[in-house]
Amino acid sequence: MTKPILYGADYSVYVRIARMALEEKGVGYELVPLDIFAAEGIPAWYLEHHPFGRIPAFEHDGFRLFETNAITRYIDEAFDGPSLQPVDARGRARMGQIIGMLDAYGYRAMVWDVAVERLEKTEPDETLIAGGLSQAETVLKVLTSLKADGPWLLGDQLTLADLHAAPVIAYFVKVEEGRDLLARFADMQDWYSRVAGRQSFARTKKVA
């Protein structure tokens, strides 16, 4: 089989999620840089890979995918290496719940409303940041309540839930408000320190 191709930018949370899955499985891959925010816009050829012009997109032996959740599940099931999904129905359901919650309620608030607003704007919208922090607090409370006993979100097995959460929180803690809020949730802070120590996390960190 040929080496899989991942299209996207190294700054992207969702590209990093897919890259972490590839790293955890020990799969060599090619990252094709694609900046959807570039001044010249999204190249026309890329819309054949992702008709909505988002990142990442994925290709393996002529099989194309977009949507991070589909990509990471394929990576886990198509390649050898440690399983990144629970074998039991309840574990898989909990994994899906955590991923869905992060997509629906965590990503926008933690990454865009807090971190990007604080880091990228000359005059940050403090109301937007305050709302994002409030939502982030709820997300961290729920993650704490859902976390199983053990080192990872679902217990003893590292899963796609951990790989989904890590890049979101990594972006959130780039700012002081994010670090301060995470410090109030000891279980989540311990978990984050643990996942941040993995090679998959280090190898996918954007080099400034």
C-alpha atoms as a PDB file:
ATOM      1  CA  MET A   1       0.000   0.000   0.000  1.00  0.00           C
ATOM      2  CA  THR A   2       1.124   3.519  -0.688  1.00  0.00           C
ATOM      3  CA  LYS A   3       1.780   6.073   2.017  1.00  0.00           C
ATOM      4  CA  PRO A   4      -1.423   7.950   2.996  1.00  0.00           C
ATOM      5  CA  ILE A   5      -1.664  11.648   2.204  1.00  0.00           C
ATOM      6  CA  LEU A   6      -3.090  14.226   4.578  1.00  0.00           C
ATOM      7  CA  TYR A   7      -3.963  17.662   3.228  1.00  0.00           C
ATOM      8  CA  GLY A   8      -3.960  20.590   5.618  1.00  0.00           C
ATOM      9  CA  ALA A   9      -2.020  23.105   7.675  1.00  0.00           C
ATOM     10  CA  ASP A  10       0.147  22.329  10.675  1.00  0.00           C
ATOM     11  CA  TYR A  11      -1.627  25.034  12.714  1.00  0.00           C
ATOM     12  CA  SER A  12      -4.999  23.297  12.410  1.00  0.00           C
ATOM     13  CA  VAL A  13      -6.458  21.530  15.440  1.00  0.00           C
ATOM     14  CA  TYR A  14      -8.267  19.008  13.249  1.00  0.00           C
ATOM     15  CA  VAL A  15      -5.255  18.288  11.069  1.00  0.00           C
ATOM     16  CA  ARG A  16      -3.305  17.652  14.253  1.00  0.00           C
ATOM     17  CA  ILE A  17      -5.953  15.203  15.492  1.00  0.00           C
ATOM     18  CA  ALA A  18      -5.555  13.148  12.323  1.00  0.00           C
ATOM     19  CA  ARG A  19      -1.762  13.391  12.488  1.00  0.00           C
ATOM     20  CA  MET A  20      -1.758  12.180  16.092  1.00  0.00           C
ATOM     21  CA  ALA A  21      -3.808   9.153  15.070  1.00  0.00           C
ATOM     22  CA  LEU A  22      -1.305   8.352  12.310  1.00  0.00           C
ATOM     23  CA  GLU A  23       1.594   8.771  14.746  1.00  0.00           C
ATOM     24  CA  GLU A  24      -0.026   6.551  17.384  1.00  0.00           C
ATOM     25  CA  LYS A  25      -0.539   3.831  14.785  1.00  0.00           C
ATOM     26  CA  GLY A  26       3.046   4.192  13.566  1.00  0.00           C
ATOM     27  CA  VAL A  27       1.925   5.018  10.034  1.00  0.00           C
ATOM     28  CA  GLY A  28       4.202   6.998   7.743  1.00  0.00           C
ATOM     29  CA  TYR A  29       2.321   9.688   5.855  1.00  0.00           C
ATOM     30  CA  GLU A  30       2.766  12.747   3.674  1.00  0.00           C
ATOM     31  CA  LEU A  31       1.419  16.080   4.897  1.00  0.00           C
ATOM     32  CA  VAL A  32       0.568  18.275   1.916  1.00  0.00           C
ATOM     33  CA  PRO A  33       0.501  21.869   3.202  1.00  0.00           C
ATOM     34  CA  LEU A  34      -2.751  23.681   2.468  1.00  0.00           C
ATOM     35  CA  ASP A  35      -3.654  26.999   4.050  1.00  0.00           C
ATOM     36  CA  ILE A  36      -7.371  27.681   3.684  1.00  0.00           C
ATOM     37  CA  PHE A  37      -6.836  31.215   4.977  1.00  0.00           C
ATOM     38  CA  ALA A  38      -4.228  32.111   2.325  1.00  0.00           C
ATOM     39  CA  ALA A  39      -4.763  35.419   0.521  1.00  0.00           C
ATOM     40  CA  GLU A  40      -5.175  33.689  -2.837  1.00  0.00           C
ATOM     41  CA  GLY A  41      -7.961  31.529  -1.451  1.00  0.00           C
ATOM     42  CA  ILE A  42      -8.561  27.794  -1.626  1.00  0.00           C
ATOM     43  CA  PRO A  43      -7.059  26.195  -4.757  1.00  0.00           C
ATOM     44  CA  ALA A  44      -9.658  24.788  -7.130  1.00  0.00           C
ATOM     45  CA  TRP A  45      -8.017  21.356  -7.206  1.00  0.00           C
ATOM     46  CA  TYR A  46      -8.534  20.948  -3.479  1.00  0.00           C
ATOM     47  CA  LEU A  47     -12.316  21.120  -3.803  1.00  0.00           C
ATOM     48  CA  GLU A  48     -12.112  17.687  -5.435  1.00  0.00           C
ATOM     49  CA  HIS A  49     -10.781  16.424  -2.109  1.00  0.00           C
ATOM     50  CA  HIS A  50     -13.049  18.472   0.156  1.00  0.00           C
ATOM     51  CA  PRO A  51     -16.042  20.108  -1.566  1.00  0.00           C
ATOM     52  CA  PHE A  52     -16.544  22.447   1.409  1.00  0.00           C
ATOM     53  CA  GLY A  53     -12.946  23.667   1.356  1.00  0.00           C
ATOM     54  CA  ARG A  54     -12.087  22.705   4.922  1.00  0.00           C
ATOM     55  CA  ILE A  55      -9.160  20.768   6.340  1.00  0.00           C
ATOM     56  CA  PRO A  56      -8.087  18.045   6.682  1.00  0.00           C
ATOM     57  CA  ALA A  57      -8.709  15.818   3.703  1.00  0.00           C
ATOM     58  CA  PHE A  58      -7.188  12.363   3.367  1.00  0.00           C
ATOM     59  CA  GLU A  59      -6.243   9.961   0.603  1.00  0.00           C
ATOM     60  CA  HIS A  60      -4.987   6.388   0.708  1.00  0.00           C
ATOM     61  CA  ASP A  61      -4.571   4.147  -2.323  1.00  0.00           C
ATOM     62  CA  GLY A  62      -7.124   6.209  -4.243  1.00  0.00           C
ATOM     63  CA  PHE A  63      -9.632   6.220  -1.377  1.00  0.00           C
ATOM     64  CA  ARG A  64     -10.535   9.755  -0.364  1.00  0.00           C
ATOM     65  CA  LEU A  65     -12.075  10.994   2.856  1.00  0.00           C
ATOM     66  CA  PHE A  66     -12.897  14.260   4.529  1.00  0.00           C
ATOM     67  CA  GLU A  67     -14.246  14.893   8.066  1.00  0.00           C
ATOM     68  CA  THR A  68     -11.762  14.214  10.844  1.00  0.00           C
ATOM     69  CA  ASN A  69     -13.895  11.650  12.663  1.00  0.00           C
ATOM     70  CA  ALA A  70     -14.157   9.514   9.528  1.00  0.00           C
ATOM     71  CA  ILE A  71     -10.448   9.900   8.832  1.00  0.00           C
ATOM     72  CA  THR A  72      -9.300   8.866  12.321  1.00  0.00           C
ATOM     73  CA  ARG A  73     -11.614   5.850  12.427  1.00  0.00           C
ATOM     74  CA  TYR A  74     -10.303   4.727   9.059  1.00  0.00           C
ATOM     75  CA  ILE A  75      -6.716   5.178  10.223  1.00  0.00           C
ATOM     76  CA  ASP A  76      -7.407   3.050  13.288  1.00  0.00           C
ATOM     77  CA  GLU A  77      -9.150   0.278  11.386  1.00  0.00           C
ATOM     78  CA  ALA A  78      -7.101   0.194   8.166  1.00  0.00           C
ATOM     79  CA  PHE A  79      -3.619   0.043   9.659  1.00  0.00           C
ATOM     80  CA  ASP A  80      -1.766  -2.190  12.082  1.00  0.00           C
ATOM     81  CA  GLY A  81      -0.822  -0.861  15.489  1.00  0.00           C
ATOM     82  CA  PRO A  82      -2.501  -0.369  18.847  1.00  0.00           C
ATOM     83  CA  SER A  83      -6.275  -0.096  18.697  1.00  0.00           C
ATOM     84  CA  LEU A  84      -7.564   3.420  19.330  1.00  0.00           C
ATOM     85  CA  GLN A  85     -11.207   2.443  19.845  1.00  0.00           C
ATOM     86  CA  PRO A  86     -12.836   0.476  22.650  1.00  0.00           C
ATOM     87  CA  VAL A  87     -14.119  -2.979  21.785  1.00  0.00           C
ATOM     88  CA  ASP A  88     -17.332  -2.666  23.798  1.00  0.00           C
ATOM     89  CA  ALA A  89     -20.446  -0.807  22.704  1.00  0.00           C
ATOM     90  CA  ARG A  90     -20.591   1.443  25.744  1.00  0.00           C
ATOM     91  CA  GLY A  91     -16.955   2.417  25.438  1.00  0.00           C
ATOM     92  CA  ARG A  92     -17.394   3.307  21.774  1.00  0.00           C
ATOM     93  CA  ALA A  93     -20.533   5.259  22.591  1.00  0.00           C
ATOM     94  CA  ARG A  94     -18.710   7.216  25.300  1.00  0.00           C
ATOM     95  CA  MET A  95     -15.843   7.901  22.914  1.00  0.00           C
ATOM     96  CA  GLY A  96     -18.288   9.200  20.321  1.00  0.00           C
ATOM     97  CA  GLN A  97     -20.047  11.306  22.931  1.00  0.00           C
ATOM     98  CA  ILE A  98     -16.814  13.002  24.026  1.00  0.00           C
ATOM     99  CA  ILE A  99     -15.725  13.663  20.442  1.00  0.00           C
ATOM    100  CA  GLY A 100     -19.140  15.006  19.509  1.00  0.00           C
ATOM    101  CA  MET A 101     -19.242  17.249  22.570  1.00  0.00           C
ATOM    102  CA  LEU A 102     -15.831  18.704  21.768  1.00  0.00           C
ATOM    103  CA  ASP A 103     -16.876  19.376  18.178  1.00  0.00           C
ATOM    104  CA  ALA A 104     -20.199  20.932  19.101  1.00  0.00           C
ATOM    105  CA  TYR A 105     -19.366  22.845  22.282  1.00  0.00           C
ATOM    106  CA  GLY A 106     -15.620  22.879  22.897  1.00  0.00           C
ATOM    107  CA  TYR A 107     -13.740  23.699  19.716  1.00  0.00           C
ATOM    108  CA  ARG A 108     -15.342  27.016  18.827  1.00  0.00           C
ATOM    109  CA  ALA A 109     -15.366  28.307  22.401  1.00  0.00           C
ATOM    110  CA  MET A 110     -11.895  27.198  23.440  1.00  0.00           C
ATOM    111  CA  VAL A 111      -9.977  27.743  20.221  1.00  0.00           C
ATOM    112  CA  TRP A 112     -11.660  30.640  18.431  1.00  0.00           C
ATOM    113  CA  ASP A 113     -13.554  32.561  21.096  1.00  0.00           C
ATOM    114  CA  VAL A 114     -10.720  32.439  23.640  1.00  0.00           C
ATOM    115  CA  ALA A 115      -7.322  31.568  22.174  1.00  0.00           C
ATOM    116  CA  VAL A 116      -7.536  33.019  18.669  1.00  0.00           C
ATOM    117  CA  GLU A 117      -9.418  36.082  19.901  1.00  0.00           C
ATOM    118  CA  ARG A 118      -6.783  36.774  22.546  1.00  0.00           C
ATOM    119  CA  LEU A 119      -3.738  35.925  20.427  1.00  0.00           C
ATOM    120  CA  GLU A 120      -4.646  37.225  16.997  1.00  0.00           C
ATOM    121  CA  LYS A 121      -6.825  40.298  17.498  1.00  0.00           C
ATOM    122  CA  THR A 122      -5.390  43.756  18.042  1.00  0.00           C
ATOM    123  CA  GLU A 123      -8.448  44.641  20.110  1.00  0.00           C
ATOM    124  CA  PRO A 124      -9.880  41.382  21.450  1.00  0.00           C
ATOM    125  CA  ASP A 125     -13.619  41.154  22.080  1.00  0.00           C
ATOM    126  CA  GLU A 126     -13.668  40.656  25.843  1.00  0.00           C
ATOM    127  CA  THR A 127     -17.350  39.730  25.807  1.00  0.00           C
ATOM    128  CA  LEU A 128     -16.651  36.960  23.313  1.00  0.00           C
ATOM    129  CA  ILE A 129     -13.720  35.738  25.397  1.00  0.00           C
ATOM    130  CA  ALA A 130     -15.812  35.732  28.578  1.00  0.00           C
ATOM    131  CA  GLY A 131     -18.516  33.698  26.856  1.00  0.00           C
ATOM    132  CA  GLY A 132     -15.934  31.282  25.507  1.00  0.00           C
ATOM    133  CA  LEU A 133     -14.428  30.794  28.960  1.00  0.00           C
ATOM    134  CA  SER A 134     -17.861  30.111  30.428  1.00  0.00           C
ATOM    135  CA  GLN A 135     -18.518  27.476  27.770  1.00  0.00           C
ATOM    136  CA  ALA A 136     -15.022  26.053  28.255  1.00  0.00           C
ATOM    137  CA  GLU A 137     -15.672  25.665  31.972  1.00  0.00           C
ATOM    138  CA  THR A 138     -18.771  23.606  31.209  1.00  0.00           C
ATOM    139  CA  VAL A 139     -16.812  21.469  28.757  1.00  0.00           C
ATOM    140  CA  LEU A 140     -14.108  20.778  31.349  1.00  0.00           C
ATOM    141  CA  LYS A 141     -16.725  19.967  33.987  1.00  0.00           C
ATOM    142  CA  VAL A 142     -18.379  17.483  31.666  1.00  0.00           C
ATOM    143  CA  LEU A 143     -15.064  15.911  30.634  1.00  0.00           C
ATOM    144  CA  THR A 144     -14.223  15.491  34.322  1.00  0.00           C
ATOM    145  CA  SER A 145     -17.583  13.839  34.975  1.00  0.00           C
ATOM    146  CA  LEU A 146     -17.238  11.490  31.998  1.00  0.00           C
ATOM    147  CA  LYS A 147     -13.614  10.537  32.550  1.00  0.00           C
ATOM    148  CA  ALA A 148     -13.156   6.925  33.641  1.00  0.00           C
ATOM    149  CA  ASP A 149     -10.682   5.778  36.270  1.00  0.00           C
ATOM    150  CA  GLY A 150      -7.237   5.415  34.758  1.00  0.00           C
ATOM    151  CA  PRO A 151      -4.731   7.490  32.835  1.00  0.00           C
ATOM    152  CA  TRP A 152      -6.909   8.229  29.798  1.00  0.00           C
ATOM    153  CA  LEU A 153     -10.396   9.608  29.228  1.00  0.00           C
ATOM    154  CA  LEU A 154     -11.853   6.115  28.839  1.00  0.00           C
ATOM    155  CA  GLY A 155      -9.632   4.414  31.404  1.00  0.00           C
ATOM    156  CA  ASP A 156      -6.560   2.341  30.649  1.00  0.00           C
ATOM    157  CA  GLN A 157      -6.782   2.549  26.841  1.00  0.00           C
ATOM    158  CA  LEU A 158      -5.692   5.607  24.874  1.00  0.00           C
ATOM    159  CA  THR A 159      -8.454   6.243  22.342  1.00  0.00           C
ATOM    160  CA  LEU A 160      -9.526   8.652  19.649  1.00  0.00           C
ATOM    161  CA  ALA A 161     -11.276  10.636  22.387  1.00  0.00           C
ATOM    162  CA  ASP A 162      -7.891  11.530  23.891  1.00  0.00           C
ATOM    163  CA  LEU A 163      -6.463  12.387  20.486  1.00  0.00           C
ATOM    164  CA  HIS A 164      -9.448  14.609  19.745  1.00  0.00           C
ATOM    165  CA  ALA A 165      -9.310  16.466  23.047  1.00  0.00           C
ATOM    166  CA  ALA A 166      -5.553  17.034  23.227  1.00  0.00           C
ATOM    167  CA  PRO A 167      -5.134  19.478  20.295  1.00  0.00           C
ATOM    168  CA  VAL A 168      -8.222  21.463  21.339  1.00  0.00           C
ATOM    169  CA  ILE A 169      -6.930  21.944  24.865  1.00  0.00           C
ATOM    170  CA  ALA A 170      -3.379  22.542  23.599  1.00  0.00           C
ATOM    171  CA  TYR A 171      -4.642  25.565  21.701  1.00  0.00           C
ATOM    172  CA  PHE A 172      -6.756  26.713  24.659  1.00  0.00           C
ATOM    173  CA  VAL A 173      -3.804  26.733  27.055  1.00  0.00           C
ATOM    174  CA  LYS A 174      -1.745  28.958  24.784  1.00  0.00           C
ATOM    175  CA  VAL A 175      -3.402  31.824  26.654  1.00  0.00           C
ATOM    176  CA  GLU A 176      -3.266  32.584  30.367  1.00  0.00           C
ATOM    177  CA  GLU A 177      -7.026  32.343  30.840  1.00  0.00           C
ATOM    178  CA  GLY A 178      -6.986  28.842  29.396  1.00  0.00           C
ATOM    179  CA  ARG A 179      -4.133  27.706  31.617  1.00  0.00           C
ATOM    180  CA  ASP A 180      -5.794  29.189  34.700  1.00  0.00           C
ATOM    181  CA  LEU A 181      -9.097  27.485  33.953  1.00  0.00           C
ATOM    182  CA  LEU A 182      -7.534  24.092  33.252  1.00  0.00           C
ATOM    183  CA  ALA A 183      -5.630  24.334  36.564  1.00  0.00           C
ATOM    184  CA  ARG A 184      -8.990  24.336  38.361  1.00  0.00           C
ATOM    185  CA  PHE A 185      -9.697  20.820  37.071  1.00  0.00           C
ATOM    186  CA  ALA A 186      -6.974  18.629  38.573  1.00  0.00           C
ATOM    187  CA  ASP A 187      -8.024  15.424  36.817  1.00  0.00           C
ATOM    188  CA  MET A 188      -8.045  17.110  33.439  1.00  0.00           C
ATOM    189  CA  GLN A 189      -4.773  18.897  34.071  1.00  0.00           C
ATOM    190  CA  ASP A 190      -3.126  15.587  35.019  1.00  0.00           C
ATOM    191  CA  TRP A 191      -4.594  13.966  31.918  1.00  0.00           C
ATOM    192  CA  TYR A 192      -3.349  16.806  29.720  1.00  0.00           C
ATOM    193  CA  SER A 193       0.166  16.577  31.149  1.00  0.00           C
ATOM    194  CA  ARG A 194       0.117  12.867  30.391  1.00  0.00           C
ATOM    195  CA  VAL A 195      -1.076  13.160  26.790  1.00  0.00           C
ATOM    196  CA  ALA A 196       1.256  16.114  26.159  1.00  0.00           C
ATOM    197  CA  GLY A 197       4.148  13.819  27.051  1.00  0.00           C
ATOM    198  CA  ARG A 198       3.437  11.401  24.212  1.00  0.00           C
ATOM    199  CA  GLN A 199       5.608  11.330  21.106  1.00  0.00           C
ATOM    200  CA  SER A 200       2.534  11.757  18.912  1.00  0.00           C
ATOM    201  CA  PHE A 201       1.871  15.093  20.621  1.00  0.00           C
ATOM    202  CA  ALA A 202       5.474  16.294  20.330  1.00  0.00           C
ATOM    203  CA  ARG A 203       5.852  15.251  16.694  1.00  0.00           C
ATOM    204  CA  THR A 204       2.711  17.118  15.614  1.00  0.00           C
ATOM    205  CA  LYS A 205       3.436  20.370  17.432  1.00  0.00           C
ATOM    206  CA  LYS A 206       3.625  23.340  15.089  1.00  0.00           C
ATOM    207  CA  VAL A 207       7.130  24.725  14.885  1.00  0.00           C
ATOM    208  CA  ALA A 208       6.961  28.504  15.216  1.00  0.00           C
END
